[in-house]
Amino acid sequence: MSLIPLPAQPADVPWPTEAWPQGDLPADLDRLRFEALLAQAFDTDDMGETHALAIVQGGRLVFERYGPRHGPDHTYPSWSKAKSITQALVGILVGQGRLDIHALADVPEWRAPGDPRGAITLDQLLRMSSGLKFVEDYVPEHPSDVIEMLQRSGRPDMAHFAASMPLEHAPGSFWSYASGTTNIVSRIVARAVGATGEDFHAFMRRALFDPLGMKSPIPKFDGAGTFIGSSYCFATARDFARFGLLYLRDGVWQGRRLLPDGWVDYARTPTFQQPGEENRYGAHWWLDVGGPGSFSANGYDGQYTVLVPDLDLILVRHGATPLAKKDVLKTWVGQAVGCFR
């Protein structure tokens, strides 16, 4: 499968390290359709509440709107958008030669002789294909490993909670989205760096946030000091767009390569999934939400950072969308992107 080429930053557009350069909506935008979609998002409850919408095209912020009691300085929950931030941290260490995605995952719980989990690679974790048992269900009355991990017995050490799960499938043979997987990956990153808690936060700032000018991110840590990379990194909509621009620009920022060559293509290369899966997945990034060739960081309750290479476009949406309305929001995102085609 060939990937749509990633666009370069226009030579006449400054990088948004300090502030986003401003631009106008394109002249050929389907404005009537766009206005109708804005009304649906902000003036109805069709998809719950929309708190923030920021659109970047050609490296410029061309549209921004916020709901009541929200604004550009408000920090929004990432939920599972944090998984893509975790993937970036892995990439930084791969570029430094400190991690190898094809090596066996550094997980102490799997080291006993004969433990079949010891065959799991970091690549299989990033592609949600480890084979580990994990129930990803957000309905409170349903059995749910993710709720148990984030809110109950798993809170003292979420990576240990997830790594203690048994295998259900041979590694690499079955795709199953699992937040526990990302917290295992997050601890692998922490072990490679040799840092937890505030020291790991300093690494995140130094290696990723500061070079992009992301001043707002607030990552959260579990009781063991491991970044909860599955779910918790608050930031402004503009900073989530900065993170998106790093990936839309192939991991390069102001001429400096922050992510290794090929890392973004790795993120957006489809993973094997069972027939009938609703959404395609790459390596800790979702695929096609904004149309063919797009890739996105998606989070619970309707958090989105959608990258559309053929339009050089980023759409960031934050809000509170009930699970029952998630398909309406997904359709809305595709229609909003479609206004720019």
C-alpha atoms as a PDB file:
ATOM      1  CA  MET A   1       0.000   0.000   0.000  1.00  0.00           C
ATOM      2  CA  SER A   2       1.344   3.448  -0.935  1.00  0.00           C
ATOM      3  CA  LEU A   3       0.956   6.277   1.537  1.00  0.00           C
ATOM      4  CA  ILE A   4      -0.041   9.811   0.557  1.00  0.00           C
ATOM      5  CA  PRO A   5       3.140  11.943   0.677  1.00  0.00           C
ATOM      6  CA  LEU A   6       3.425  14.196   3.709  1.00  0.00           C
ATOM      7  CA  PRO A   7       3.520  17.909   2.815  1.00  0.00           C
ATOM      8  CA  ALA A   8       6.437  20.189   3.647  1.00  0.00           C
ATOM      9  CA  GLN A   9       5.997  23.385   5.637  1.00  0.00           C
ATOM     10  CA  PRO A  10       5.435  26.219   3.119  1.00  0.00           C
ATOM     11  CA  ALA A  11       8.582  28.319   2.852  1.00  0.00           C
ATOM     12  CA  ASP A  12       6.697  31.555   3.501  1.00  0.00           C
ATOM     13  CA  VAL A  13       4.925  30.292   6.645  1.00  0.00           C
ATOM     14  CA  PRO A  14       6.715  30.550  10.002  1.00  0.00           C
ATOM     15  CA  TRP A  15       6.731  27.531  12.280  1.00  0.00           C
ATOM     16  CA  PRO A  16       4.239  27.959  15.158  1.00  0.00           C
ATOM     17  CA  THR A  17       6.832  27.440  17.892  1.00  0.00           C
ATOM     18  CA  GLU A  18       5.929  30.747  19.552  1.00  0.00           C
ATOM     19  CA  ALA A  19       2.504  31.521  18.075  1.00  0.00           C
ATOM     20  CA  TRP A  20       0.344  30.150  15.294  1.00  0.00           C
ATOM     21  CA  PRO A  21       0.544  32.183  12.079  1.00  0.00           C
ATOM     22  CA  GLN A  22      -2.966  33.179  11.102  1.00  0.00           C
ATOM     23  CA  GLY A  23      -4.626  32.446   7.787  1.00  0.00           C
ATOM     24  CA  ASP A  24      -7.970  32.587   6.048  1.00  0.00           C
ATOM     25  CA  LEU A  25     -10.352  29.820   5.181  1.00  0.00           C
ATOM     26  CA  PRO A  26      -9.808  28.765   1.561  1.00  0.00           C
ATOM     27  CA  ALA A  27     -11.788  30.629  -1.088  1.00  0.00           C
ATOM     28  CA  ASP A  28     -13.211  27.391  -2.471  1.00  0.00           C
ATOM     29  CA  LEU A  29     -14.469  26.173   0.909  1.00  0.00           C
ATOM     30  CA  ASP A  30     -18.032  24.846   0.851  1.00  0.00           C
ATOM     31  CA  ARG A  31     -19.109  27.640   3.197  1.00  0.00           C
ATOM     32  CA  LEU A  32     -22.795  26.822   3.404  1.00  0.00           C
ATOM     33  CA  ARG A  33     -22.020  23.253   4.364  1.00  0.00           C
ATOM     34  CA  PHE A  34     -19.295  24.372   6.767  1.00  0.00           C
ATOM     35  CA  GLU A  35     -21.624  26.832   8.526  1.00  0.00           C
ATOM     36  CA  ALA A  36     -24.270  24.148   8.842  1.00  0.00           C
ATOM     37  CA  LEU A  37     -21.752  21.790  10.404  1.00  0.00           C
ATOM     38  CA  LEU A  38     -20.619  24.479  12.840  1.00  0.00           C
ATOM     39  CA  ALA A  39     -24.223  25.018  13.884  1.00  0.00           C
ATOM     40  CA  GLN A  40     -24.652  21.277  14.389  1.00  0.00           C
ATOM     41  CA  ALA A  41     -21.505  21.125  16.513  1.00  0.00           C
ATOM     42  CA  PHE A  42     -22.027  24.186  18.691  1.00  0.00           C
ATOM     43  CA  ASP A  43     -25.775  24.875  18.664  1.00  0.00           C
ATOM     44  CA  THR A  44     -27.301  21.396  18.930  1.00  0.00           C
ATOM     45  CA  ASP A  45     -26.720  18.338  21.071  1.00  0.00           C
ATOM     46  CA  ASP A  46     -26.545  15.996  18.059  1.00  0.00           C
ATOM     47  CA  MET A  47     -23.055  14.924  19.152  1.00  0.00           C
ATOM     48  CA  GLY A  48     -23.034  16.208  22.698  1.00  0.00           C
ATOM     49  CA  GLU A  49     -21.059  19.334  23.546  1.00  0.00           C
ATOM     50  CA  THR A  50     -18.281  20.785  21.411  1.00  0.00           C
ATOM     51  CA  HIS A  51     -15.799  22.731  23.519  1.00  0.00           C
ATOM     52  CA  ALA A  52     -13.094  23.554  20.977  1.00  0.00           C
ATOM     53  CA  LEU A  53     -12.506  23.391  17.244  1.00  0.00           C
ATOM     54  CA  ALA A  54      -9.224  24.452  15.651  1.00  0.00           C
ATOM     55  CA  ILE A  55      -8.332  23.972  11.995  1.00  0.00           C
ATOM     56  CA  VAL A  56      -4.854  24.439  10.533  1.00  0.00           C
ATOM     57  CA  GLN A  57      -4.142  24.407   6.818  1.00  0.00           C
ATOM     58  CA  GLY A  58      -0.838  25.071   5.115  1.00  0.00           C
ATOM     59  CA  GLY A  59       0.752  25.578   8.524  1.00  0.00           C
ATOM     60  CA  ARG A  60      -1.594  28.459   9.390  1.00  0.00           C
ATOM     61  CA  LEU A  61      -4.450  28.554  11.895  1.00  0.00           C
ATOM     62  CA  VAL A  62      -7.391  29.262   9.587  1.00  0.00           C
ATOM     63  CA  PHE A  63     -10.304  28.657  11.964  1.00  0.00           C
ATOM     64  CA  GLU A  64     -10.880  28.543  15.690  1.00  0.00           C
ATOM     65  CA  ARG A  65     -14.036  28.475  17.776  1.00  0.00           C
ATOM     66  CA  TYR A  66     -14.791  27.622  21.382  1.00  0.00           C
ATOM     67  CA  GLY A  67     -17.898  26.746  23.310  1.00  0.00           C
ATOM     68  CA  PRO A  68     -19.214  28.564  26.398  1.00  0.00           C
ATOM     69  CA  ARG A  69     -16.752  28.636  29.317  1.00  0.00           C
ATOM     70  CA  HIS A  70     -13.934  27.443  27.067  1.00  0.00           C
ATOM     71  CA  GLY A  71     -11.206  29.222  25.136  1.00  0.00           C
ATOM     72  CA  PRO A  72      -7.735  29.044  23.615  1.00  0.00           C
ATOM     73  CA  ASP A  73      -6.034  28.935  27.032  1.00  0.00           C
ATOM     74  CA  HIS A  74      -8.234  26.127  28.332  1.00  0.00           C
ATOM     75  CA  THR A  75      -6.537  22.729  28.663  1.00  0.00           C
ATOM     76  CA  TYR A  76      -8.549  19.820  27.319  1.00  0.00           C
ATOM     77  CA  PRO A  77      -8.354  16.128  28.200  1.00  0.00           C
ATOM     78  CA  SER A  78      -6.491  13.958  25.760  1.00  0.00           C
ATOM     79  CA  TRP A  79      -7.966  10.657  26.796  1.00  0.00           C
ATOM     80  CA  SER A  80      -6.534   8.204  24.248  1.00  0.00           C
ATOM     81  CA  LYS A  81      -4.920  10.936  22.172  1.00  0.00           C
ATOM     82  CA  ALA A  82      -2.159  10.448  24.742  1.00  0.00           C
ATOM     83  CA  LYS A  83      -1.412   7.105  23.069  1.00  0.00           C
ATOM     84  CA  SER A  84      -0.058   8.957  20.047  1.00  0.00           C
ATOM     85  CA  ILE A  85       2.113  11.118  22.315  1.00  0.00           C
ATOM     86  CA  THR A  86       3.471   7.894  23.813  1.00  0.00           C
ATOM     87  CA  GLN A  87       4.223   6.674  20.286  1.00  0.00           C
ATOM     88  CA  ALA A  88       6.219   9.865  19.687  1.00  0.00           C
ATOM     89  CA  LEU A  89       8.284   9.247  22.826  1.00  0.00           C
ATOM     90  CA  VAL A  90       9.083   5.747  21.577  1.00  0.00           C
ATOM     91  CA  GLY A  91      10.116   7.222  18.234  1.00  0.00           C
ATOM     92  CA  ILE A  92      12.484   9.691  19.869  1.00  0.00           C
ATOM     93  CA  LEU A  93      14.240   6.841  21.680  1.00  0.00           C
ATOM     94  CA  VAL A  94      14.311   4.719  18.519  1.00  0.00           C
ATOM     95  CA  GLY A  95      16.035   7.620  16.779  1.00  0.00           C
ATOM     96  CA  GLN A  96      18.594   7.730  19.590  1.00  0.00           C
ATOM     97  CA  GLY A  97      19.237   3.999  19.332  1.00  0.00           C
ATOM     98  CA  ARG A  98      17.857   3.361  22.824  1.00  0.00           C
ATOM     99  CA  LEU A  99      14.853   1.286  21.736  1.00  0.00           C
ATOM    100  CA  ASP A 100      14.277  -1.247  18.957  1.00  0.00           C
ATOM    101  CA  ILE A 101      10.636  -1.881  18.083  1.00  0.00           C
ATOM    102  CA  HIS A 102      11.420  -5.317  16.707  1.00  0.00           C
ATOM    103  CA  ALA A 103      13.194  -6.468  19.871  1.00  0.00           C
ATOM    104  CA  LEU A 104      11.423  -8.341  22.649  1.00  0.00           C
ATOM    105  CA  ALA A 105       9.585  -5.928  24.923  1.00  0.00           C
ATOM    106  CA  ASP A 106      11.355  -5.017  28.160  1.00  0.00           C
ATOM    107  CA  VAL A 107       8.688  -6.258  30.580  1.00  0.00           C
ATOM    108  CA  PRO A 108       9.920  -7.810  33.864  1.00  0.00           C
ATOM    109  CA  GLU A 109       6.652  -9.720  34.412  1.00  0.00           C
ATOM    110  CA  TRP A 110       7.325 -11.813  31.303  1.00  0.00           C
ATOM    111  CA  ARG A 111      10.882 -12.952  32.017  1.00  0.00           C
ATOM    112  CA  ALA A 112      10.175 -16.298  33.700  1.00  0.00           C
ATOM    113  CA  PRO A 113      11.443 -19.223  31.609  1.00  0.00           C
ATOM    114  CA  GLY A 114       8.698 -20.550  29.376  1.00  0.00           C
ATOM    115  CA  ASP A 115       6.392 -17.534  29.775  1.00  0.00           C
ATOM    116  CA  PRO A 116       4.810 -17.190  26.295  1.00  0.00           C
ATOM    117  CA  ARG A 117       4.389 -13.443  26.851  1.00  0.00           C
ATOM    118  CA  GLY A 118       8.155 -13.129  26.643  1.00  0.00           C
ATOM    119  CA  ALA A 119       7.827 -13.430  22.849  1.00  0.00           C
ATOM    120  CA  ILE A 120       5.915 -10.126  22.563  1.00  0.00           C
ATOM    121  CA  THR A 121       7.776  -7.342  20.740  1.00  0.00           C
ATOM    122  CA  LEU A 122       7.476  -3.595  21.165  1.00  0.00           C
ATOM    123  CA  ASP A 123       6.127  -3.415  17.614  1.00  0.00           C
ATOM    124  CA  GLN A 124       3.284  -5.782  18.523  1.00  0.00           C
ATOM    125  CA  LEU A 125       2.451  -3.615  21.525  1.00  0.00           C
ATOM    126  CA  LEU A 126       2.382  -0.460  19.397  1.00  0.00           C
ATOM    127  CA  ARG A 127       0.131  -2.219  16.895  1.00  0.00           C
ATOM    128  CA  MET A 128      -2.232  -3.534  19.621  1.00  0.00           C
ATOM    129  CA  SER A 129      -1.392  -7.068  18.520  1.00  0.00           C
ATOM    130  CA  SER A 130       0.280  -8.471  21.637  1.00  0.00           C
ATOM    131  CA  GLY A 131      -2.372 -11.126  22.191  1.00  0.00           C
ATOM    132  CA  LEU A 132      -2.848 -10.102  25.829  1.00  0.00           C
ATOM    133  CA  LYS A 133      -6.285 -10.390  27.391  1.00  0.00           C
ATOM    134  CA  PHE A 134      -7.744  -6.951  28.129  1.00  0.00           C
ATOM    135  CA  VAL A 135     -11.363  -5.784  28.162  1.00  0.00           C
ATOM    136  CA  GLU A 136     -11.675  -2.227  26.831  1.00  0.00           C
ATOM    137  CA  ASP A 137     -15.226  -1.283  27.872  1.00  0.00           C
ATOM    138  CA  TYR A 138     -16.335   2.103  29.197  1.00  0.00           C
ATOM    139  CA  VAL A 139     -19.838   1.206  30.372  1.00  0.00           C
ATOM    140  CA  PRO A 140     -19.601   1.296  34.190  1.00  0.00           C
ATOM    141  CA  GLU A 141     -21.792  -1.745  34.854  1.00  0.00           C
ATOM    142  CA  HIS A 142     -19.925  -3.910  32.319  1.00  0.00           C
ATOM    143  CA  PRO A 143     -16.802  -5.950  33.128  1.00  0.00           C
ATOM    144  CA  SER A 144     -13.948  -3.615  32.214  1.00  0.00           C
ATOM    145  CA  ASP A 145     -10.199  -3.931  32.613  1.00  0.00           C
ATOM    146  CA  VAL A 146      -9.668  -0.329  31.491  1.00  0.00           C
ATOM    147  CA  ILE A 147     -11.898   1.093  34.240  1.00  0.00           C
ATOM    148  CA  GLU A 148     -10.307  -1.232  36.792  1.00  0.00           C
ATOM    149  CA  MET A 149      -6.870  -0.042  35.659  1.00  0.00           C
ATOM    150  CA  LEU A 150      -7.566   3.699  35.497  1.00  0.00           C
ATOM    151  CA  GLN A 151      -9.910   4.133  38.439  1.00  0.00           C
ATOM    152  CA  ARG A 152      -9.617   1.169  40.816  1.00  0.00           C
ATOM    153  CA  SER A 153      -7.072  -1.497  41.733  1.00  0.00           C
ATOM    154  CA  GLY A 154      -4.722  -0.746  38.850  1.00  0.00           C
ATOM    155  CA  ARG A 155      -4.015   2.842  39.842  1.00  0.00           C
ATOM    156  CA  PRO A 156      -0.901   2.173  41.958  1.00  0.00           C
ATOM    157  CA  ASP A 157       0.915   0.589  38.986  1.00  0.00           C
ATOM    158  CA  MET A 158      -1.007   0.497  35.724  1.00  0.00           C
ATOM    159  CA  ALA A 159       1.740  -1.096  33.659  1.00  0.00           C
ATOM    160  CA  HIS A 160       2.034  -3.941  36.145  1.00  0.00           C
ATOM    161  CA  PHE A 161      -1.746  -4.365  36.114  1.00  0.00           C
ATOM    162  CA  ALA A 162      -1.765  -4.682  32.318  1.00  0.00           C
ATOM    163  CA  ALA A 163       1.414  -6.748  32.068  1.00  0.00           C
ATOM    164  CA  SER A 164      -0.045  -9.284  34.507  1.00  0.00           C
ATOM    165  CA  MET A 165      -2.788 -10.206  32.048  1.00  0.00           C
ATOM    166  CA  PRO A 166      -2.557 -13.643  30.401  1.00  0.00           C
ATOM    167  CA  LEU A 167      -2.271 -14.301  26.688  1.00  0.00           C
ATOM    168  CA  GLU A 168      -5.485 -14.987  24.796  1.00  0.00           C
ATOM    169  CA  HIS A 169      -3.863 -15.203  21.352  1.00  0.00           C
ATOM    170  CA  ALA A 170      -0.423 -15.841  19.959  1.00  0.00           C
ATOM    171  CA  PRO A 171       1.558 -12.582  19.746  1.00  0.00           C
ATOM    172  CA  GLY A 172       1.046 -10.864  16.406  1.00  0.00           C
ATOM    173  CA  SER A 173      -1.965 -12.956  15.409  1.00  0.00           C
ATOM    174  CA  PHE A 174      -4.901 -10.916  16.732  1.00  0.00           C
ATOM    175  CA  TRP A 175      -5.655  -7.178  16.912  1.00  0.00           C
ATOM    176  CA  SER A 176      -7.376  -5.875  20.052  1.00  0.00           C
ATOM    177  CA  TYR A 177      -7.373  -2.245  21.132  1.00  0.00           C
ATOM    178  CA  ALA A 178      -6.274  -2.039  24.772  1.00  0.00           C
ATOM    179  CA  SER A 179      -5.304   0.942  26.907  1.00  0.00           C
ATOM    180  CA  GLY A 180      -3.326  -1.356  29.156  1.00  0.00           C
ATOM    181  CA  THR A 181      -0.987  -2.025  26.248  1.00  0.00           C
ATOM    182  CA  THR A 182       0.004   1.634  26.070  1.00  0.00           C
ATOM    183  CA  ASN A 183       0.821   1.805  29.758  1.00  0.00           C
ATOM    184  CA  ILE A 184       3.150  -1.152  29.282  1.00  0.00           C
ATOM    185  CA  VAL A 185       4.783   0.799  26.445  1.00  0.00           C
ATOM    186  CA  SER A 186       4.991   3.901  28.626  1.00  0.00           C
ATOM    187  CA  ARG A 187       6.875   1.978  31.296  1.00  0.00           C
ATOM    188  CA  ILE A 188       9.231   0.574  28.627  1.00  0.00           C
ATOM    189  CA  VAL A 189      10.002   4.176  27.657  1.00  0.00           C
ATOM    190  CA  ALA A 190      10.538   5.116  31.309  1.00  0.00           C
ATOM    191  CA  ARG A 191      12.921   2.184  31.818  1.00  0.00           C
ATOM    192  CA  ALA A 192      14.871   3.168  28.696  1.00  0.00           C
ATOM    193  CA  VAL A 193      15.157   6.751  29.944  1.00  0.00           C
ATOM    194  CA  GLY A 194      15.788   5.728  33.552  1.00  0.00           C
ATOM    195  CA  ALA A 195      13.245   8.228  34.862  1.00  0.00           C
ATOM    196  CA  THR A 196       9.799   8.332  36.447  1.00  0.00           C
ATOM    197  CA  GLY A 197       7.478  11.018  37.784  1.00  0.00           C
ATOM    198  CA  GLU A 198       8.772  14.575  37.524  1.00  0.00           C
ATOM    199  CA  ASP A 199      12.064  13.409  36.016  1.00  0.00           C
ATOM    200  CA  PHE A 200      10.136  11.708  33.213  1.00  0.00           C
ATOM    201  CA  HIS A 201       7.996  14.829  32.820  1.00  0.00           C
ATOM    202  CA  ALA A 202      11.219  16.797  32.349  1.00  0.00           C
ATOM    203  CA  PHE A 203      12.254  14.323  29.638  1.00  0.00           C
ATOM    204  CA  MET A 204       8.903  14.817  27.880  1.00  0.00           C
ATOM    205  CA  ARG A 205       9.333  18.579  27.959  1.00  0.00           C
ATOM    206  CA  ARG A 206      12.946  18.523  26.817  1.00  0.00           C
ATOM    207  CA  ALA A 207      12.552  15.937  24.061  1.00  0.00           C
ATOM    208  CA  LEU A 208       9.093  16.749  22.688  1.00  0.00           C
ATOM    209  CA  PHE A 209       7.070  19.596  24.151  1.00  0.00           C
ATOM    210  CA  ASP A 210       9.675  22.375  24.340  1.00  0.00           C
ATOM    211  CA  PRO A 211      10.982  22.018  20.763  1.00  0.00           C
ATOM    212  CA  LEU A 212       7.398  22.404  19.474  1.00  0.00           C
ATOM    213  CA  GLY A 213       6.590  25.341  21.728  1.00  0.00           C
ATOM    214  CA  MET A 214       3.979  23.273  23.591  1.00  0.00           C
ATOM    215  CA  LYS A 215       3.763  25.100  26.915  1.00  0.00           C
ATOM    216  CA  SER A 216       0.426  23.764  28.179  1.00  0.00           C
ATOM    217  CA  PRO A 217       0.755  19.940  28.394  1.00  0.00           C
ATOM    218  CA  ILE A 218      -0.017  18.404  31.785  1.00  0.00           C
ATOM    219  CA  PRO A 219       0.758  14.673  31.783  1.00  0.00           C
ATOM    220  CA  LYS A 220      -0.521  12.527  34.648  1.00  0.00           C
ATOM    221  CA  PHE A 221       1.346   9.704  36.399  1.00  0.00           C
ATOM    222  CA  ASP A 222       0.251   6.613  38.294  1.00  0.00           C
ATOM    223  CA  GLY A 223       1.336   5.594  41.779  1.00  0.00           C
ATOM    224  CA  ALA A 224       4.538   4.052  40.430  1.00  0.00           C
ATOM    225  CA  GLY A 225       5.502   7.300  38.672  1.00  0.00           C
ATOM    226  CA  THR A 226       4.750   5.969  35.178  1.00  0.00           C
ATOM    227  CA  PHE A 227       3.189   8.349  32.654  1.00  0.00           C
ATOM    228  CA  ILE A 228      -0.399   7.212  32.063  1.00  0.00           C
ATOM    229  CA  GLY A 229       0.277   7.206  28.342  1.00  0.00           C
ATOM    230  CA  SER A 230      -3.014   5.545  27.564  1.00  0.00           C
ATOM    231  CA  SER A 231      -5.191   8.383  28.708  1.00  0.00           C
ATOM    232  CA  TYR A 232      -3.949  11.475  30.510  1.00  0.00           C
ATOM    233  CA  CYS A 233      -2.177  14.445  28.970  1.00  0.00           C
ATOM    234  CA  PHE A 234      -4.106  17.711  29.108  1.00  0.00           C
ATOM    235  CA  ALA A 235      -3.252  20.508  26.650  1.00  0.00           C
ATOM    236  CA  THR A 236      -4.758  23.405  24.731  1.00  0.00           C
ATOM    237  CA  ALA A 237      -6.300  22.826  21.316  1.00  0.00           C
ATOM    238  CA  ARG A 238      -3.494  24.887  19.775  1.00  0.00           C
ATOM    239  CA  ASP A 239      -0.854  22.684  21.398  1.00  0.00           C
ATOM    240  CA  PHE A 240      -2.577  19.512  20.245  1.00  0.00           C
ATOM    241  CA  ALA A 241      -2.432  21.065  16.769  1.00  0.00           C
ATOM    242  CA  ARG A 242       1.317  21.668  17.214  1.00  0.00           C
ATOM    243  CA  PHE A 243       1.760  17.994  18.003  1.00  0.00           C
ATOM    244  CA  GLY A 244      -0.288  17.142  14.915  1.00  0.00           C
ATOM    245  CA  LEU A 245       1.871  19.397  12.758  1.00  0.00           C
ATOM    246  CA  LEU A 246       4.991  17.510  13.856  1.00  0.00           C
ATOM    247  CA  TYR A 247       3.484  14.340  12.354  1.00  0.00           C
ATOM    248  CA  LEU A 248       2.098  16.094   9.286  1.00  0.00           C
ATOM    249  CA  ARG A 249       5.650  17.368   8.670  1.00  0.00           C
ATOM    250  CA  ASP A 250       7.133  13.853   8.906  1.00  0.00           C
ATOM    251  CA  GLY A 251       8.663  14.358  12.359  1.00  0.00           C
ATOM    252  CA  VAL A 252      10.654  17.459  11.386  1.00  0.00           C
ATOM    253  CA  TRP A 253      10.344  20.809  13.183  1.00  0.00           C
ATOM    254  CA  GLN A 254      12.116  23.981  12.032  1.00  0.00           C
ATOM    255  CA  GLY A 255      14.541  21.885  10.003  1.00  0.00           C
ATOM    256  CA  ARG A 256      15.401  19.607  12.935  1.00  0.00           C
ATOM    257  CA  ARG A 257      14.385  15.945  12.793  1.00  0.00           C
ATOM    258  CA  LEU A 258      12.736  15.053  16.123  1.00  0.00           C
ATOM    259  CA  LEU A 259      11.300  11.703  15.032  1.00  0.00           C
ATOM    260  CA  PRO A 260      13.426   9.262  13.036  1.00  0.00           C
ATOM    261  CA  ASP A 261      13.062   9.015   9.287  1.00  0.00           C
ATOM    262  CA  GLY A 262      10.134   6.724   8.481  1.00  0.00           C
ATOM    263  CA  TRP A 263       8.585   6.902  11.954  1.00  0.00           C
ATOM    264  CA  VAL A 264       5.468   8.781  10.852  1.00  0.00           C
ATOM    265  CA  ASP A 265       4.973   6.359   7.958  1.00  0.00           C
ATOM    266  CA  TYR A 266       5.287   3.531  10.471  1.00  0.00           C
ATOM    267  CA  ALA A 267       2.550   5.176  12.560  1.00  0.00           C
ATOM    268  CA  ARG A 268       0.159   5.391   9.595  1.00  0.00           C
ATOM    269  CA  THR A 269       0.852   2.012   7.991  1.00  0.00           C
ATOM    270  CA  PRO A 270      -2.178  -0.241   8.543  1.00  0.00           C
ATOM    271  CA  THR A 271      -1.986  -3.045  11.081  1.00  0.00           C
ATOM    272  CA  PHE A 272      -3.519  -6.428  10.355  1.00  0.00           C
ATOM    273  CA  GLN A 273      -7.022  -6.526  11.869  1.00  0.00           C
ATOM    274  CA  GLN A 274      -9.773  -9.087  11.897  1.00  0.00           C
ATOM    275  CA  PRO A 275     -12.356  -8.764   9.100  1.00  0.00           C
ATOM    276  CA  GLY A 276     -15.217  -6.468  10.053  1.00  0.00           C
ATOM    277  CA  GLU A 277     -13.283  -4.137  12.353  1.00  0.00           C
ATOM    278  CA  GLU A 278     -15.004  -0.770  12.302  1.00  0.00           C
ATOM    279  CA  ASN A 279     -11.919   1.457  12.090  1.00  0.00           C
ATOM    280  CA  ARG A 280      -8.468   0.821  10.663  1.00  0.00           C
ATOM    281  CA  TYR A 281      -5.444   1.174  12.918  1.00  0.00           C
ATOM    282  CA  GLY A 282      -1.756   1.890  12.409  1.00  0.00           C
ATOM    283  CA  ALA A 283       0.776   2.020  15.245  1.00  0.00           C
ATOM    284  CA  HIS A 284      -0.906   3.961  18.066  1.00  0.00           C
ATOM    285  CA  TRP A 285      -2.666   6.125  15.461  1.00  0.00           C
ATOM    286  CA  TRP A 286      -6.094   5.583  13.873  1.00  0.00           C
ATOM    287  CA  LEU A 287      -6.597   5.694  10.117  1.00  0.00           C
ATOM    288  CA  ASP A 288      -9.122   7.199   7.675  1.00  0.00           C
ATOM    289  CA  VAL A 289     -11.383   9.130  10.088  1.00  0.00           C
ATOM    290  CA  GLY A 290     -10.887  12.243   7.950  1.00  0.00           C
ATOM    291  CA  GLY A 291     -11.101  10.294   4.688  1.00  0.00           C
ATOM    292  CA  PRO A 292      -8.709   7.930   2.887  1.00  0.00           C
ATOM    293  CA  GLY A 293      -5.084   8.701   3.694  1.00  0.00           C
ATOM    294  CA  SER A 294      -5.853  10.603   6.882  1.00  0.00           C
ATOM    295  CA  PHE A 295      -4.606   9.510  10.285  1.00  0.00           C
ATOM    296  CA  SER A 296      -5.632  10.682  13.708  1.00  0.00           C
ATOM    297  CA  ALA A 297      -5.208  10.644  17.458  1.00  0.00           C
ATOM    298  CA  ASN A 298      -8.636   9.812  18.887  1.00  0.00           C
ATOM    299  CA  GLY A 299      -9.825   9.980  22.492  1.00  0.00           C
ATOM    300  CA  TYR A 300     -12.822   8.984  24.583  1.00  0.00           C
ATOM    301  CA  ASP A 301     -15.680  11.490  24.756  1.00  0.00           C
ATOM    302  CA  GLY A 302     -14.927  12.799  21.263  1.00  0.00           C
ATOM    303  CA  GLN A 303     -11.379  14.161  21.355  1.00  0.00           C
ATOM    304  CA  TYR A 304      -9.740  14.281  17.916  1.00  0.00           C
ATOM    305  CA  THR A 305      -6.563  15.444  16.219  1.00  0.00           C
ATOM    306  CA  VAL A 306      -7.057  14.550  12.549  1.00  0.00           C
ATOM    307  CA  LEU A 307      -4.264  14.912   9.990  1.00  0.00           C
ATOM    308  CA  VAL A 308      -5.111  15.018   6.274  1.00  0.00           C
ATOM    309  CA  PRO A 309      -1.902  14.995   4.200  1.00  0.00           C
ATOM    310  CA  ASP A 310      -3.480  15.618   0.789  1.00  0.00           C
ATOM    311  CA  LEU A 311      -5.098  18.808   2.107  1.00  0.00           C
ATOM    312  CA  ASP A 312      -2.194  19.797   4.402  1.00  0.00           C
ATOM    313  CA  LEU A 313      -4.896  20.076   7.056  1.00  0.00           C
ATOM    314  CA  ILE A 314      -5.211  19.480  10.804  1.00  0.00           C
ATOM    315  CA  LEU A 315      -8.567  19.394  12.584  1.00  0.00           C
ATOM    316  CA  VAL A 316      -8.598  19.432  16.393  1.00  0.00           C
ATOM    317  CA  ARG A 317     -11.909  18.880  18.161  1.00  0.00           C
ATOM    318  CA  HIS A 318     -12.567  18.622  21.896  1.00  0.00           C
ATOM    319  CA  GLY A 319     -15.843  18.107  23.649  1.00  0.00           C
ATOM    320  CA  ALA A 320     -18.079  15.744  25.561  1.00  0.00           C
ATOM    321  CA  THR A 321     -19.736  13.240  23.255  1.00  0.00           C
ATOM    322  CA  PRO A 322     -21.647  10.317  24.779  1.00  0.00           C
ATOM    323  CA  LEU A 323     -20.819   6.864  23.447  1.00  0.00           C
ATOM    324  CA  ALA A 324     -24.293   6.661  21.912  1.00  0.00           C
ATOM    325  CA  LYS A 325     -23.438   9.658  19.692  1.00  0.00           C
ATOM    326  CA  LYS A 326     -19.865   8.755  18.753  1.00  0.00           C
ATOM    327  CA  ASP A 327     -20.842   7.671  15.218  1.00  0.00           C
ATOM    328  CA  VAL A 328     -22.573  11.004  14.611  1.00  0.00           C
ATOM    329  CA  LEU A 329     -19.371  12.780  15.596  1.00  0.00           C
ATOM    330  CA  LYS A 330     -17.221  10.546  13.431  1.00  0.00           C
ATOM    331  CA  THR A 331     -19.464  11.291  10.436  1.00  0.00           C
ATOM    332  CA  TRP A 332     -19.288  14.997  11.303  1.00  0.00           C
ATOM    333  CA  VAL A 333     -15.504  14.969  11.293  1.00  0.00           C
ATOM    334  CA  GLY A 334     -15.444  13.411   7.828  1.00  0.00           C
ATOM    335  CA  GLN A 335     -17.971  15.946   6.552  1.00  0.00           C
ATOM    336  CA  ALA A 336     -16.058  18.876   8.052  1.00  0.00           C
ATOM    337  CA  VAL A 337     -12.872  17.743   6.326  1.00  0.00           C
ATOM    338  CA  GLY A 338     -14.869  17.242   3.152  1.00  0.00           C
ATOM    339  CA  CYS A 339     -15.722  20.956   3.061  1.00  0.00           C
ATOM    340  CA  PHE A 340     -12.054  21.612   2.257  1.00  0.00           C
ATOM    341  CA  ARG A 341     -11.789  19.184  -0.661  1.00  0.00           C
END
